[in-house]
Amino acid sequence: MKTLDKKTVFKSTDKVIELMLESKKQSKIESQERYDTEEFQEILRKLRQLKKEKK
């Protein structure tokens, strides 16, 4: 039976942390871009209006 060579995916925990932070930052940027769209703002206005009408 052949043994598989184990390869390290990440070189260090610092690299893992760096990648996680980069991913989080990118996610925040994308969320903000969606929030800034006119379509999204229109949905928010409608939701606020509905909330006011329920009170």
PDB file of N, CA and C in Angstrom:
ATOM      1  N   MET A   1       0.849  -1.183   0.000  1.00  0.00           N
ATOM      2  CA  MET A   1       0.000   0.000   0.000  1.00  0.00           C
ATOM      3  C   MET A   1       0.900   1.253   0.000  1.00  0.00           C
ATOM      4  N   LYS A   2       0.503   2.209  -0.812  1.00  0.00           N
ATOM      5  CA  LYS A   2       1.287   3.426  -0.973  1.00  0.00           C
ATOM      6  C   LYS A   2       0.868   4.482   0.050  1.00  0.00           C
ATOM      7  N   THR A   3       1.824   5.167   0.636  1.00  0.00           N
ATOM      8  CA  THR A   3       1.470   6.261   1.545  1.00  0.00           C
ATOM      9  C   THR A   3       1.427   7.564   0.755  1.00  0.00           C
ATOM     10  N   LEU A   4       0.449   8.363   1.077  1.00  0.00           N
ATOM     11  CA  LEU A   4       0.296   9.638   0.383  1.00  0.00           C
ATOM     12  C   LEU A   4       1.216  10.677   0.998  1.00  0.00           C
ATOM     13  N   ASP A   5       1.769  11.491   0.154  1.00  0.00           N
ATOM     14  CA  ASP A   5       2.584  12.599   0.646  1.00  0.00           C
ATOM     15  C   ASP A   5       1.655  13.656   1.216  1.00  0.00           C
ATOM     16  N   LYS A   6       1.920  14.028   2.439  1.00  0.00           N
ATOM     17  CA  LYS A   6       1.095  15.070   3.055  1.00  0.00           C
ATOM     18  C   LYS A   6       1.709  16.416   2.727  1.00  0.00           C
ATOM     19  N   LYS A   7       0.872  17.299   2.229  1.00  0.00           N
ATOM     20  CA  LYS A   7       1.336  18.642   1.911  1.00  0.00           C
ATOM     21  C   LYS A   7       0.621  19.636   2.807  1.00  0.00           C
ATOM     22  N   THR A   8       1.345  20.589   3.281  1.00  0.00           N
ATOM     23  CA  THR A   8       0.759  21.627   4.111  1.00  0.00           C
ATOM     24  C   THR A   8       0.058  22.622   3.193  1.00  0.00           C
ATOM     25  N   VAL A   9      -1.212  22.860   3.479  1.00  0.00           N
ATOM     26  CA  VAL A   9      -1.972  23.798   2.659  1.00  0.00           C
ATOM     27  C   VAL A   9      -1.524  25.225   2.944  1.00  0.00           C
ATOM     28  N   PHE A  10      -1.377  25.545   4.223  1.00  0.00           N
ATOM     29  CA  PHE A  10      -0.920  26.871   4.610  1.00  0.00           C
ATOM     30  C   PHE A  10       0.426  26.749   5.303  1.00  0.00           C
ATOM     31  N   LYS A  11       1.267  27.690   5.063  1.00  0.00           N
ATOM     32  CA  LYS A  11       2.610  27.647   5.632  1.00  0.00           C
ATOM     33  C   LYS A  11       2.621  27.988   7.126  1.00  0.00           C
ATOM     34  N   SER A  12       1.744  28.877   7.535  1.00  0.00           N
ATOM     35  CA  SER A  12       1.752  29.271   8.942  1.00  0.00           C
ATOM     36  C   SER A  12       0.372  29.766   9.366  1.00  0.00           C
ATOM     37  N   THR A  13       0.190  29.855  10.668  1.00  0.00           N
ATOM     38  CA  THR A  13      -1.084  30.384  11.169  1.00  0.00           C
ATOM     39  C   THR A  13      -1.230  31.860  10.812  1.00  0.00           C
ATOM     40  N   ASP A  14      -0.103  32.562  10.713  1.00  0.00           N
ATOM     41  CA  ASP A  14      -0.163  33.974  10.316  1.00  0.00           C
ATOM     42  C   ASP A  14      -0.784  34.128   8.930  1.00  0.00           C
ATOM     43  N   LYS A  15      -0.439  33.228   8.041  1.00  0.00           N
ATOM     44  CA  LYS A  15      -0.978  33.277   6.681  1.00  0.00           C
ATOM     45  C   LYS A  15      -2.485  32.992   6.706  1.00  0.00           C
ATOM     46  N   VAL A  16      -2.905  32.043   7.517  1.00  0.00           N
ATOM     47  CA  VAL A  16      -4.332  31.725   7.647  1.00  0.00           C
ATOM     48  C   VAL A  16      -5.090  32.946   8.152  1.00  0.00           C
ATOM     49  N   ILE A  17      -4.557  33.570   9.185  1.00  0.00           N
ATOM     50  CA  ILE A  17      -5.197  34.756   9.760  1.00  0.00           C
ATOM     51  C   ILE A  17      -5.254  35.883   8.728  1.00  0.00           C
ATOM     52  N   GLU A  18      -4.180  36.067   8.013  1.00  0.00           N
ATOM     53  CA  GLU A  18      -4.136  37.104   6.975  1.00  0.00           C
ATOM     54  C   GLU A  18      -5.205  36.859   5.910  1.00  0.00           C
ATOM     55  N   LEU A  19      -5.332  35.619   5.483  1.00  0.00           N
ATOM     56  CA  LEU A  19      -6.340  35.286   4.467  1.00  0.00           C
ATOM     57  C   LEU A  19      -7.759  35.476   4.993  1.00  0.00           C
ATOM     58  N   MET A  20      -7.970  35.123   6.244  1.00  0.00           N
ATOM     59  CA  MET A  20      -9.302  35.298   6.836  1.00  0.00           C
ATOM     60  C   MET A  20      -9.668  36.777   6.935  1.00  0.00           C
ATOM     61  N   LEU A  21      -8.718  37.588   7.357  1.00  0.00           N
ATOM     62  CA  LEU A  21      -8.973  39.028   7.457  1.00  0.00           C
ATOM     63  C   LEU A  21      -9.235  39.642   6.084  1.00  0.00           C
ATOM     64  N   GLU A  22      -8.470  39.201   5.101  1.00  0.00           N
ATOM     65  CA  GLU A  22      -8.657  39.695   3.732  1.00  0.00           C
ATOM     66  C   GLU A  22     -10.048  39.317   3.216  1.00  0.00           C
ATOM     67  N   SER A  23     -10.458  38.099   3.494  1.00  0.00           N
ATOM     68  CA  SER A  23     -11.775  37.634   3.069  1.00  0.00           C
ATOM     69  C   SER A  23     -12.880  38.446   3.738  1.00  0.00           C
ATOM     70  N   LYS A  24     -12.714  38.704   5.038  1.00  0.00           N
ATOM     71  CA  LYS A  24     -13.701  39.493   5.776  1.00  0.00           C
ATOM     72  C   LYS A  24     -13.791  40.913   5.221  1.00  0.00           C
ATOM     73  N   LYS A  25     -12.634  41.497   4.929  1.00  0.00           N
ATOM     74  CA  LYS A  25     -12.598  42.852   4.385  1.00  0.00           C
ATOM     75  C   LYS A  25     -13.301  42.897   3.027  1.00  0.00           C
ATOM     76  N   GLN A  26     -13.022  41.905   2.189  1.00  0.00           N
ATOM     77  CA  GLN A  26     -13.655  41.848   0.870  1.00  0.00           C
ATOM     78  C   GLN A  26     -15.168  41.698   0.994  1.00  0.00           C
ATOM     79  N   SER A  27     -15.593  40.895   1.935  1.00  0.00           N
ATOM     80  CA  SER A  27     -17.019  40.689   2.167  1.00  0.00           C
ATOM     81  C   SER A  27     -17.696  41.998   2.589  1.00  0.00           C
ATOM     82  N   LYS A  28     -17.032  42.755   3.462  1.00  0.00           N
ATOM     83  CA  LYS A  28     -17.584  44.050   3.891  1.00  0.00           C
ATOM     84  C   LYS A  28     -17.704  45.013   2.713  1.00  0.00           C
ATOM     85  N   ILE A  29     -16.704  45.026   1.856  1.00  0.00           N
ATOM     86  CA  ILE A  29     -16.726  45.900   0.680  1.00  0.00           C
ATOM     87  C   ILE A  29     -17.896  45.530  -0.219  1.00  0.00           C
ATOM     88  N   GLU A  30     -18.087  44.236  -0.449  1.00  0.00           N
ATOM     89  CA  GLU A  30     -19.193  43.786  -1.304  1.00  0.00           C
ATOM     90  C   GLU A  30     -20.535  44.119  -0.682  1.00  0.00           C
ATOM     91  N   SER A  31     -20.654  43.953   0.630  1.00  0.00           N
ATOM     92  CA  SER A  31     -21.907  44.290   1.309  1.00  0.00           C
ATOM     93  C   SER A  31     -22.211  45.776   1.167  1.00  0.00           C
ATOM     94  N   GLN A  32     -21.198  46.592   1.340  1.00  0.00           N
ATOM     95  CA  GLN A  32     -21.392  48.040   1.223  1.00  0.00           C
ATOM     96  C   GLN A  32     -21.790  48.421  -0.196  1.00  0.00           C
ATOM     97  N   GLU A  33     -21.197  47.762  -1.182  1.00  0.00           N
ATOM     98  CA  GLU A  33     -21.542  48.048  -2.577  1.00  0.00           C
ATOM     99  C   GLU A  33     -23.003  47.710  -2.851  1.00  0.00           C
ATOM    100  N   ARG A  34     -23.475  46.590  -2.298  1.00  0.00           N
ATOM    101  CA  ARG A  34     -24.888  46.232  -2.467  1.00  0.00           C
ATOM    102  C   ARG A  34     -25.784  47.243  -1.773  1.00  0.00           C
ATOM    103  N   TYR A  35     -25.392  47.641  -0.567  1.00  0.00           N
ATOM    104  CA  TYR A  35     -26.178  48.590   0.206  1.00  0.00           C
ATOM    105  C   TYR A  35     -26.295  49.927  -0.514  1.00  0.00           C
ATOM    106  N   ASP A  36     -25.265  50.316  -1.208  1.00  0.00           N
ATOM    107  CA  ASP A  36     -25.238  51.604  -1.897  1.00  0.00           C
ATOM    108  C   ASP A  36     -26.059  51.642  -3.184  1.00  0.00           C
ATOM    109  N   THR A  37     -26.523  50.516  -3.660  1.00  0.00           N
ATOM    110  CA  THR A  37     -27.272  50.520  -4.921  1.00  0.00           C
ATOM    111  C   THR A  37     -28.639  51.166  -4.729  1.00  0.00           C
ATOM    112  N   GLU A  38     -29.120  51.789  -5.772  1.00  0.00           N
ATOM    113  CA  GLU A  38     -30.427  52.454  -5.729  1.00  0.00           C
ATOM    114  C   GLU A  38     -31.543  51.441  -5.468  1.00  0.00           C
ATOM    115  N   GLU A  39     -31.422  50.280  -6.067  1.00  0.00           N
ATOM    116  CA  GLU A  39     -32.438  49.230  -5.894  1.00  0.00           C
ATOM    117  C   GLU A  39     -32.560  48.832  -4.416  1.00  0.00           C
ATOM    118  N   PHE A  40     -31.434  48.653  -3.756  1.00  0.00           N
ATOM    119  CA  PHE A  40     -31.441  48.275  -2.348  1.00  0.00           C
ATOM    120  C   PHE A  40     -32.024  49.390  -1.493  1.00  0.00           C
ATOM    121  N   GLN A  41     -31.679  50.625  -1.803  1.00  0.00           N
ATOM    122  CA  GLN A  41     -32.208  51.767  -1.048  1.00  0.00           C
ATOM    123  C   GLN A  41     -33.725  51.868  -1.199  1.00  0.00           C
ATOM    124  N   GLU A  42     -34.211  51.555  -2.381  1.00  0.00           N
ATOM    125  CA  GLU A  42     -35.657  51.573  -2.619  1.00  0.00           C
ATOM    126  C   GLU A  42     -36.355  50.511  -1.761  1.00  0.00           C
ATOM    127  N   ILE A  43     -35.762  49.348  -1.663  1.00  0.00           N
ATOM    128  CA  ILE A  43     -36.317  48.270  -0.827  1.00  0.00           C
ATOM    129  C   ILE A  43     -36.355  48.717   0.635  1.00  0.00           C
ATOM    130  N   LEU A  44     -35.279  49.354   1.091  1.00  0.00           N
ATOM    131  CA  LEU A  44     -35.250  49.852   2.469  1.00  0.00           C
ATOM    132  C   LEU A  44     -36.345  50.886   2.722  1.00  0.00           C
ATOM    133  N   ARG A  45     -36.539  51.781   1.758  1.00  0.00           N
ATOM    134  CA  ARG A  45     -37.593  52.795   1.907  1.00  0.00           C
ATOM    135  C   ARG A  45     -38.965  52.130   2.027  1.00  0.00           C
ATOM    136  N   LYS A  46     -39.204  51.131   1.205  1.00  0.00           N
ATOM    137  CA  LYS A  46     -40.494  50.426   1.250  1.00  0.00           C
ATOM    138  C   LYS A  46     -40.685  49.709   2.578  1.00  0.00           C
ATOM    139  N   LEU A  47     -39.636  49.072   3.070  1.00  0.00           N
ATOM    140  CA  LEU A  47     -39.718  48.386   4.362  1.00  0.00           C
ATOM    141  C   LEU A  47     -39.994  49.364   5.495  1.00  0.00           C
ATOM    142  N   ARG A  48     -39.330  50.502   5.458  1.00  0.00           N
ATOM    143  CA  ARG A  48     -39.562  51.517   6.501  1.00  0.00           C
ATOM    144  C   ARG A  48     -41.005  52.015   6.453  1.00  0.00           C
ATOM    145  N   GLN A  49     -41.497  52.200   5.235  1.00  0.00           N
ATOM    146  CA  GLN A  49     -42.873  52.671   5.068  1.00  0.00           C
ATOM    147  C   GLN A  49     -43.863  51.640   5.621  1.00  0.00           C
ATOM    148  N   LEU A  50     -43.623  50.382   5.316  1.00  0.00           N
ATOM    149  CA  LEU A  50     -44.498  49.331   5.820  1.00  0.00           C
ATOM    150  C   LEU A  50     -44.460  49.255   7.342  1.00  0.00           C
ATOM    151  N   LYS A  51     -43.301  49.447   7.892  1.00  0.00           N
ATOM    152  CA  LYS A  51     -43.136  49.416   9.349  1.00  0.00           C
ATOM    153  C   LYS A  51     -43.925  50.560   9.989  1.00  0.00           C
ATOM    154  N   LYS A  52     -43.878  51.734   9.376  1.00  0.00           N
ATOM    155  CA  LYS A  52     -44.618  52.880   9.891  1.00  0.00           C
ATOM    156  C   LYS A  52     -46.118  52.638   9.819  1.00  0.00           C
ATOM    157  N   GLU A  53     -46.559  52.028   8.732  1.00  0.00           N
ATOM    158  CA  GLU A  53     -47.994  51.784   8.548  1.00  0.00           C
ATOM    159  C   GLU A  53     -48.529  50.772   9.559  1.00  0.00           C
ATOM    160  N   LYS A  54     -47.707  49.844   9.988  1.00  0.00           N
ATOM    161  CA  LYS A  54     -48.134  48.839  10.957  1.00  0.00           C
ATOM    162  C   LYS A  54     -48.356  49.425  12.343  1.00  0.00           C
ATOM    163  N   LYS A  55     -47.657  50.503  12.665  1.00  0.00           N
ATOM    164  CA  LYS A  55     -47.770  51.101  14.010  1.00  0.00           C
ATOM    165  C   LYS A  55     -49.051  51.821  14.220  1.00  0.00           C
TER     166      LYS A  55
END
